Amino acid sequence: MIALLPTARRNRSGFTMIELILSIGAAALILIVANQVLFTSLRLRNTVSDAIESAAPLELALDSIRLDLQGAVTPKTNGLISGSFRSGNLSSTVNSQPVSLEFNTTTGSLRATEPWGSVQRVSYSLKNSVEDGAGAMDLYRGVCRNLLATSVAEVEDQLLLRDVARMDVESFDGTQWLQQWDTTDTSGMTTNLPVAVRIRLQRGTSWGANMGPVELLVPLSSQTRTNSTSTVGG
């Protein structure tokens, strides 16, 4: 014969319906809160990732310009390796293409297929975009390694930044900012390297409606060059 437990003891050994409903409700509330936190974190991560990816090309382009300017070679009269420093709306001395900035710099790397030194001629210019449609411009870096070429030197165009509406280059002579600088003009006052170079890039519509211009300021090591000569008597 099976002995039955008293009613009071049977009720204390399990959960009531109200306790089960409260437990399920609390678990559901915790899951809802955890779900919101998780998706908020994912959206934040995606936003930060997109911002970093969009800013990376701009940072790389600015770093390239900065390194080239910091390695700018001081111009010399009739110097093939030293070359010239020219900024503003002008034509390249290598292939006569429109450029905004052109000079010799020491950022070249030695390669097996390019047995030249570290000095190379670089130029920065805006060219029509191939992918973004009519009217869009991209920032290109032109590199000429063979400075002693007997024929037309080959220029390698490197795409730095897409959708750049405008590029302004100004050179500082110590007292004022000049929109043009040409060391090949021996009759002027710009026969040396400028004291500093300021570059302003205006980004296109793909960067966002509220994106303002980006400015880069790079000081240069200038060296005075004069046309005067001195005679030492014996």
C-alpha atoms as a PDB file:
ATOM      1  CA  MET A   1       0.000   0.000   0.000  1.00  0.00           C
ATOM      2  CA  ILE A   2       1.421   3.418  -1.110  1.00  0.00           C
ATOM      3  CA  ALA A   3       1.479   6.107   1.501  1.00  0.00           C
ATOM      4  CA  LEU A   4       0.414   9.558   0.291  1.00  0.00           C
ATOM      5  CA  LEU A   5       2.247  12.686   1.432  1.00  0.00           C
ATOM      6  CA  PRO A   6       0.296  15.342   3.146  1.00  0.00           C
ATOM      7  CA  THR A   7      -1.082  18.128   0.916  1.00  0.00           C
ATOM      8  CA  ALA A   8       1.071  20.852   2.498  1.00  0.00           C
ATOM      9  CA  ARG A   9       4.282  18.896   1.838  1.00  0.00           C
ATOM     10  CA  ARG A  10       3.354  18.245  -1.822  1.00  0.00           C
ATOM     11  CA  ASN A  11       2.782  21.972  -2.463  1.00  0.00           C
ATOM     12  CA  ARG A  12       6.171  22.954  -1.026  1.00  0.00           C
ATOM     13  CA  SER A  13       8.111  20.554  -3.275  1.00  0.00           C
ATOM     14  CA  GLY A  14       7.354  22.347  -6.689  1.00  0.00           C
ATOM     15  CA  PHE A  15       6.689  25.729  -8.365  1.00  0.00           C
ATOM     16  CA  THR A  16       3.339  27.315  -8.590  1.00  0.00           C
ATOM     17  CA  MET A  17       1.902  28.576 -11.889  1.00  0.00           C
ATOM     18  CA  ILE A  18       2.446  32.188 -10.857  1.00  0.00           C
ATOM     19  CA  GLU A  19       6.130  31.550 -10.123  1.00  0.00           C
ATOM     20  CA  LEU A  20       6.610  29.916 -13.535  1.00  0.00           C
ATOM     21  CA  ILE A  21       4.949  32.840 -15.320  1.00  0.00           C
ATOM     22  CA  LEU A  22       7.114  35.352 -13.441  1.00  0.00           C
ATOM     23  CA  SER A  23      10.304  33.395 -14.222  1.00  0.00           C
ATOM     24  CA  ILE A  24       9.475  33.151 -17.940  1.00  0.00           C
ATOM     25  CA  GLY A  25       8.641  36.871 -18.053  1.00  0.00           C
ATOM     26  CA  ALA A  26      11.925  37.821 -16.359  1.00  0.00           C
ATOM     27  CA  ALA A  27      13.911  35.591 -18.730  1.00  0.00           C
ATOM     28  CA  ALA A  28      12.132  37.111 -21.738  1.00  0.00           C
ATOM     29  CA  LEU A  29      12.876  40.638 -20.487  1.00  0.00           C
ATOM     30  CA  ILE A  30      16.553  39.777 -20.035  1.00  0.00           C
ATOM     31  CA  LEU A  31      16.710  38.350 -23.588  1.00  0.00           C
ATOM     32  CA  ILE A  32      15.095  41.490 -25.029  1.00  0.00           C
ATOM     33  CA  VAL A  33      17.584  43.759 -23.248  1.00  0.00           C
ATOM     34  CA  ALA A  34      20.534  41.562 -24.272  1.00  0.00           C
ATOM     35  CA  ASN A  35      19.293  41.562 -27.882  1.00  0.00           C
ATOM     36  CA  GLN A  36      19.102  45.356 -27.955  1.00  0.00           C
ATOM     37  CA  VAL A  37      22.566  45.716 -26.443  1.00  0.00           C
ATOM     38  CA  LEU A  38      24.008  43.222 -28.923  1.00  0.00           C
ATOM     39  CA  PHE A  39      22.553  44.878 -32.018  1.00  0.00           C
ATOM     40  CA  THR A  40      23.461  48.345 -30.753  1.00  0.00           C
ATOM     41  CA  SER A  41      27.068  47.164 -30.329  1.00  0.00           C
ATOM     42  CA  LEU A  42      27.049  45.662 -33.829  1.00  0.00           C
ATOM     43  CA  ARG A  43      25.738  48.876 -35.376  1.00  0.00           C
ATOM     44  CA  LEU A  44      28.359  50.899 -33.497  1.00  0.00           C
ATOM     45  CA  ARG A  45      31.099  48.541 -34.640  1.00  0.00           C
ATOM     46  CA  ASN A  46      29.954  48.804 -38.265  1.00  0.00           C
ATOM     47  CA  THR A  47      29.796  52.597 -38.042  1.00  0.00           C
ATOM     48  CA  VAL A  48      33.325  52.827 -36.613  1.00  0.00           C
ATOM     49  CA  SER A  49      34.618  50.329 -39.176  1.00  0.00           C
ATOM     50  CA  ASP A  50      33.090  52.306 -42.062  1.00  0.00           C
ATOM     51  CA  ALA A  51      34.561  55.541 -40.711  1.00  0.00           C
ATOM     52  CA  ILE A  52      38.027  53.998 -40.447  1.00  0.00           C
ATOM     53  CA  GLU A  53      37.835  52.495 -43.930  1.00  0.00           C
ATOM     54  CA  SER A  54      36.717  55.794 -45.464  1.00  0.00           C
ATOM     55  CA  ALA A  55      39.443  57.763 -43.652  1.00  0.00           C
ATOM     56  CA  ALA A  56      42.264  55.339 -44.505  1.00  0.00           C
ATOM     57  CA  PRO A  57      42.716  56.418 -48.182  1.00  0.00           C
ATOM     58  CA  LEU A  58      42.801  60.079 -47.142  1.00  0.00           C
ATOM     59  CA  GLU A  59      45.413  59.429 -44.453  1.00  0.00           C
ATOM     60  CA  LEU A  60      47.547  57.411 -46.868  1.00  0.00           C
ATOM     61  CA  ALA A  61      47.363  60.184 -49.469  1.00  0.00           C
ATOM     62  CA  LEU A  62      48.363  62.855 -46.942  1.00  0.00           C
ATOM     63  CA  ASP A  63      51.220  60.676 -45.649  1.00  0.00           C
ATOM     64  CA  SER A  64      52.518  60.226 -49.191  1.00  0.00           C
ATOM     65  CA  ILE A  65      52.505  63.980 -49.843  1.00  0.00           C
ATOM     66  CA  ARG A  66      54.124  64.698 -46.475  1.00  0.00           C
ATOM     67  CA  LEU A  67      56.953  62.185 -46.944  1.00  0.00           C
ATOM     68  CA  ASP A  68      57.702  63.432 -50.457  1.00  0.00           C
ATOM     69  CA  LEU A  69      57.822  67.066 -49.330  1.00  0.00           C
ATOM     70  CA  GLN A  70      60.022  66.257 -46.350  1.00  0.00           C
ATOM     71  CA  GLY A  71      62.494  64.596 -48.736  1.00  0.00           C
ATOM     72  CA  ALA A  72      62.452  67.421 -51.303  1.00  0.00           C
ATOM     73  CA  VAL A  73      65.856  67.959 -52.948  1.00  0.00           C
ATOM     74  CA  THR A  74      67.288  71.484 -52.936  1.00  0.00           C
ATOM     75  CA  PRO A  75      67.297  72.798 -56.541  1.00  0.00           C
ATOM     76  CA  LYS A  76      70.585  73.634 -58.203  1.00  0.00           C
ATOM     77  CA  THR A  77      71.329  75.469 -61.412  1.00  0.00           C
ATOM     78  CA  ASN A  78      71.314  72.955 -64.306  1.00  0.00           C
ATOM     79  CA  GLY A  79      71.067  70.112 -61.813  1.00  0.00           C
ATOM     80  CA  LEU A  80      69.702  66.928 -63.374  1.00  0.00           C
ATOM     81  CA  ILE A  81      69.324  65.039 -60.126  1.00  0.00           C
ATOM     82  CA  SER A  82      68.333  67.978 -57.930  1.00  0.00           C
ATOM     83  CA  GLY A  83      65.756  69.121 -60.472  1.00  0.00           C
ATOM     84  CA  SER A  84      63.363  71.971 -59.758  1.00  0.00           C
ATOM     85  CA  PHE A  85      60.512  72.728 -57.385  1.00  0.00           C
ATOM     86  CA  ARG A  86      57.319  73.949 -58.995  1.00  0.00           C
ATOM     87  CA  SER A  87      53.809  74.440 -57.621  1.00  0.00           C
ATOM     88  CA  GLY A  88      50.616  75.968 -58.935  1.00  0.00           C
ATOM     89  CA  ASN A  89      48.745  75.458 -62.197  1.00  0.00           C
ATOM     90  CA  LEU A  90      51.589  74.404 -64.481  1.00  0.00           C
ATOM     91  CA  SER A  91      52.765  71.711 -66.892  1.00  0.00           C
ATOM     92  CA  SER A  92      55.056  68.881 -65.933  1.00  0.00           C
ATOM     93  CA  THR A  93      58.673  69.186 -67.011  1.00  0.00           C
ATOM     94  CA  VAL A  94      58.666  65.446 -67.775  1.00  0.00           C
ATOM     95  CA  ASN A  95      55.654  64.884 -70.043  1.00  0.00           C
ATOM     96  CA  SER A  96      53.981  68.325 -70.252  1.00  0.00           C
ATOM     97  CA  GLN A  97      50.859  67.081 -68.443  1.00  0.00           C
ATOM     98  CA  PRO A  98      48.980  69.487 -66.118  1.00  0.00           C
ATOM     99  CA  VAL A  99      50.158  69.155 -62.502  1.00  0.00           C
ATOM    100  CA  SER A 100      49.666  71.093 -59.276  1.00  0.00           C
ATOM    101  CA  LEU A 101      52.960  70.155 -57.616  1.00  0.00           C
ATOM    102  CA  GLU A 102      56.207  68.714 -58.995  1.00  0.00           C
ATOM    103  CA  PHE A 103      59.669  68.306 -57.469  1.00  0.00           C
ATOM    104  CA  ASN A 104      62.522  65.857 -56.876  1.00  0.00           C
ATOM    105  CA  THR A 105      62.532  63.904 -53.638  1.00  0.00           C
ATOM    106  CA  THR A 106      64.583  61.190 -51.932  1.00  0.00           C
ATOM    107  CA  THR A 107      61.715  58.746 -51.353  1.00  0.00           C
ATOM    108  CA  GLY A 108      62.608  56.389 -54.209  1.00  0.00           C
ATOM    109  CA  SER A 109      63.346  52.739 -53.394  1.00  0.00           C
ATOM    110  CA  LEU A 110      65.948  50.573 -55.138  1.00  0.00           C
ATOM    111  CA  ARG A 111      64.479  47.694 -57.168  1.00  0.00           C
ATOM    112  CA  ALA A 112      65.946  45.007 -59.373  1.00  0.00           C
ATOM    113  CA  THR A 113      64.020  46.289 -62.408  1.00  0.00           C
ATOM    114  CA  GLU A 114      64.761  49.946 -61.623  1.00  0.00           C
ATOM    115  CA  PRO A 115      68.488  50.251 -60.842  1.00  0.00           C
ATOM    116  CA  TRP A 116      68.404  53.947 -59.944  1.00  0.00           C
ATOM    117  CA  GLY A 117      69.085  55.808 -56.747  1.00  0.00           C
ATOM    118  CA  SER A 118      66.678  57.091 -54.141  1.00  0.00           C
ATOM    119  CA  VAL A 119      66.070  60.420 -55.898  1.00  0.00           C
ATOM    120  CA  GLN A 120      62.923  60.450 -58.021  1.00  0.00           C
ATOM    121  CA  ARG A 121      60.662  63.097 -59.509  1.00  0.00           C
ATOM    122  CA  VAL A 122      57.100  63.146 -58.235  1.00  0.00           C
ATOM    123  CA  SER A 123      54.078  65.161 -59.255  1.00  0.00           C
ATOM    124  CA  TYR A 124      50.581  65.539 -57.854  1.00  0.00           C
ATOM    125  CA  SER A 125      47.603  66.330 -60.035  1.00  0.00           C
ATOM    126  CA  LEU A 126      43.857  65.846 -60.462  1.00  0.00           C
ATOM    127  CA  LYS A 127      42.672  63.736 -63.372  1.00  0.00           C
ATOM    128  CA  ASN A 128      39.303  62.672 -64.678  1.00  0.00           C
ATOM    129  CA  SER A 129      37.885  59.750 -62.732  1.00  0.00           C
ATOM    130  CA  VAL A 130      37.507  56.451 -64.554  1.00  0.00           C
ATOM    131  CA  GLU A 131      34.819  55.007 -62.262  1.00  0.00           C
ATOM    132  CA  ASP A 132      32.929  57.952 -60.723  1.00  0.00           C
ATOM    133  CA  GLY A 133      31.507  59.361 -63.962  1.00  0.00           C
ATOM    134  CA  ALA A 134      31.809  62.646 -65.834  1.00  0.00           C
ATOM    135  CA  GLY A 135      32.976  65.653 -63.855  1.00  0.00           C
ATOM    136  CA  ALA A 136      34.547  63.635 -61.028  1.00  0.00           C
ATOM    137  CA  MET A 137      38.269  63.981 -60.358  1.00  0.00           C
ATOM    138  CA  ASP A 138      40.810  61.727 -58.643  1.00  0.00           C
ATOM    139  CA  LEU A 139      44.155  62.604 -57.064  1.00  0.00           C
ATOM    140  CA  TYR A 140      47.138  60.946 -58.758  1.00  0.00           C
ATOM    141  CA  ARG A 141      50.813  60.773 -57.855  1.00  0.00           C
ATOM    142  CA  GLY A 142      53.122  60.617 -60.849  1.00  0.00           C
ATOM    143  CA  VAL A 143      56.545  59.037 -60.330  1.00  0.00           C
ATOM    144  CA  CYS A 144      59.530  59.290 -62.677  1.00  0.00           C
ATOM    145  CA  ARG A 145      62.495  57.141 -61.627  1.00  0.00           C
ATOM    146  CA  ASN A 146      64.879  57.478 -64.577  1.00  0.00           C
ATOM    147  CA  LEU A 147      66.010  61.085 -64.236  1.00  0.00           C
ATOM    148  CA  LEU A 148      68.849  60.616 -66.738  1.00  0.00           C
ATOM    149  CA  ALA A 149      66.693  59.301 -69.590  1.00  0.00           C
ATOM    150  CA  THR A 150      67.889  60.414 -73.012  1.00  0.00           C
ATOM    151  CA  SER A 151      64.355  60.228 -74.449  1.00  0.00           C
ATOM    152  CA  VAL A 152      60.950  61.005 -72.947  1.00  0.00           C
ATOM    153  CA  ALA A 153      60.989  59.655 -69.404  1.00  0.00           C
ATOM    154  CA  GLU A 154      58.307  57.194 -68.324  1.00  0.00           C
ATOM    155  CA  VAL A 155      55.920  58.404 -65.606  1.00  0.00           C
ATOM    156  CA  GLU A 156      54.013  55.914 -63.454  1.00  0.00           C
ATOM    157  CA  ASP A 157      50.635  57.247 -62.333  1.00  0.00           C
ATOM    158  CA  GLN A 158      49.536  56.057 -58.887  1.00  0.00           C
ATOM    159  CA  LEU A 159      45.933  56.594 -57.762  1.00  0.00           C
ATOM    160  CA  LEU A 160      45.960  58.123 -54.262  1.00  0.00           C
ATOM    161  CA  LEU A 161      42.458  59.381 -53.552  1.00  0.00           C
ATOM    162  CA  ARG A 162      39.113  59.233 -55.330  1.00  0.00           C
ATOM    163  CA  ASP A 163      36.582  62.034 -55.713  1.00  0.00           C
ATOM    164  CA  VAL A 164      38.665  65.152 -55.047  1.00  0.00           C
ATOM    165  CA  ALA A 165      36.881  68.275 -56.241  1.00  0.00           C
ATOM    166  CA  ARG A 166      39.836  70.652 -55.926  1.00  0.00           C
ATOM    167  CA  MET A 167      43.501  70.785 -54.972  1.00  0.00           C
ATOM    168  CA  ASP A 168      45.150  74.086 -53.967  1.00  0.00           C
ATOM    169  CA  VAL A 169      48.896  74.361 -53.357  1.00  0.00           C
ATOM    170  CA  GLU A 170      50.508  77.414 -51.750  1.00  0.00           C
ATOM    171  CA  SER A 171      54.189  77.992 -50.970  1.00  0.00           C
ATOM    172  CA  PHE A 172      55.507  80.192 -48.166  1.00  0.00           C
ATOM    173  CA  ASP A 173      58.560  82.367 -48.841  1.00  0.00           C
ATOM    174  CA  GLY A 174      58.958  83.491 -45.228  1.00  0.00           C
ATOM    175  CA  THR A 175      56.610  86.465 -45.390  1.00  0.00           C
ATOM    176  CA  GLN A 176      53.659  85.504 -47.586  1.00  0.00           C
ATOM    177  CA  TRP A 177      51.895  82.562 -49.228  1.00  0.00           C
ATOM    178  CA  LEU A 178      52.301  82.351 -53.000  1.00  0.00           C
ATOM    179  CA  GLN A 179      49.977  80.441 -55.315  1.00  0.00           C
ATOM    180  CA  GLN A 180      52.805  79.699 -57.755  1.00  0.00           C
ATOM    181  CA  TRP A 181      56.434  78.717 -57.183  1.00  0.00           C
ATOM    182  CA  ASP A 182      58.955  77.962 -59.913  1.00  0.00           C
ATOM    183  CA  THR A 183      62.665  77.561 -59.218  1.00  0.00           C
ATOM    184  CA  THR A 184      63.388  77.420 -62.947  1.00  0.00           C
ATOM    185  CA  ASP A 185      62.561  81.124 -63.196  1.00  0.00           C
ATOM    186  CA  THR A 186      65.973  82.556 -62.325  1.00  0.00           C
ATOM    187  CA  SER A 187      64.730  86.113 -62.787  1.00  0.00           C
ATOM    188  CA  GLY A 188      62.261  85.795 -59.906  1.00  0.00           C
ATOM    189  CA  MET A 189      62.541  85.384 -56.156  1.00  0.00           C
ATOM    190  CA  THR A 190      61.543  81.721 -56.012  1.00  0.00           C
ATOM    191  CA  THR A 191      64.824  80.069 -56.939  1.00  0.00           C
ATOM    192  CA  ASN A 192      65.041  78.154 -53.640  1.00  0.00           C
ATOM    193  CA  LEU A 193      62.821  75.725 -51.831  1.00  0.00           C
ATOM    194  CA  PRO A 194      59.912  77.427 -50.072  1.00  0.00           C
ATOM    195  CA  VAL A 195      59.948  77.580 -46.291  1.00  0.00           C
ATOM    196  CA  ALA A 196      56.714  75.586 -46.133  1.00  0.00           C
ATOM    197  CA  VAL A 197      54.044  74.178 -48.414  1.00  0.00           C
ATOM    198  CA  ARG A 198      50.320  74.207 -47.679  1.00  0.00           C
ATOM    199  CA  ILE A 199      47.998  71.847 -49.533  1.00  0.00           C
ATOM    200  CA  ARG A 200      44.221  72.029 -49.335  1.00  0.00           C
ATOM    201  CA  LEU A 201      42.060  69.206 -50.703  1.00  0.00           C
ATOM    202  CA  GLN A 202      38.346  69.765 -51.258  1.00  0.00           C
ATOM    203  CA  ARG A 203      36.550  66.426 -51.197  1.00  0.00           C
ATOM    204  CA  GLY A 204      33.679  65.559 -53.514  1.00  0.00           C
ATOM    205  CA  THR A 205      30.057  64.718 -52.789  1.00  0.00           C
ATOM    206  CA  SER A 206      30.728  61.028 -52.157  1.00  0.00           C
ATOM    207  CA  TRP A 207      32.484  61.955 -48.899  1.00  0.00           C
ATOM    208  CA  GLY A 208      29.349  63.540 -47.476  1.00  0.00           C
ATOM    209  CA  ALA A 209      27.454  66.795 -47.727  1.00  0.00           C
ATOM    210  CA  ASN A 210      29.130  68.407 -44.703  1.00  0.00           C
ATOM    211  CA  MET A 211      32.715  67.437 -45.472  1.00  0.00           C
ATOM    212  CA  GLY A 212      34.951  70.506 -45.506  1.00  0.00           C
ATOM    213  CA  PRO A 213      38.422  70.852 -47.020  1.00  0.00           C
ATOM    214  CA  VAL A 214      41.410  68.982 -45.633  1.00  0.00           C
ATOM    215  CA  GLU A 215      44.584  70.999 -45.100  1.00  0.00           C
ATOM    216  CA  LEU A 216      48.166  69.744 -44.889  1.00  0.00           C
ATOM    217  CA  LEU A 217      51.055  72.004 -43.823  1.00  0.00           C
ATOM    218  CA  VAL A 218      54.616  70.738 -44.312  1.00  0.00           C
ATOM    219  CA  PRO A 219      57.749  72.754 -43.375  1.00  0.00           C
ATOM    220  CA  LEU A 220      60.735  72.349 -45.725  1.00  0.00           C
ATOM    221  CA  SER A 221      64.474  72.644 -45.216  1.00  0.00           C
ATOM    222  CA  SER A 222      65.342  75.510 -47.561  1.00  0.00           C
ATOM    223  CA  GLN A 223      68.793  76.512 -48.760  1.00  0.00           C
ATOM    224  CA  THR A 224      69.618  79.967 -50.056  1.00  0.00           C
ATOM    225  CA  ARG A 225      70.860  80.130 -53.626  1.00  0.00           C
ATOM    226  CA  THR A 226      72.110  83.367 -55.187  1.00  0.00           C
ATOM    227  CA  ASN A 227      73.432  84.351 -58.584  1.00  0.00           C
ATOM    228  CA  SER A 228      76.270  86.424 -57.181  1.00  0.00           C
ATOM    229  CA  THR A 229      79.914  85.325 -57.310  1.00  0.00           C
ATOM    230  CA  SER A 230      82.901  86.311 -55.214  1.00  0.00           C
ATOM    231  CA  THR A 231      86.563  86.540 -56.153  1.00  0.00           C
ATOM    232  CA  VAL A 232      89.318  85.685 -53.744  1.00  0.00           C
ATOM    233  CA  GLY A 233      92.469  87.717 -54.399  1.00  0.00           C
ATOM    234  CA  GLY A 234      95.931  86.315 -54.001  1.00  0.00           C
END
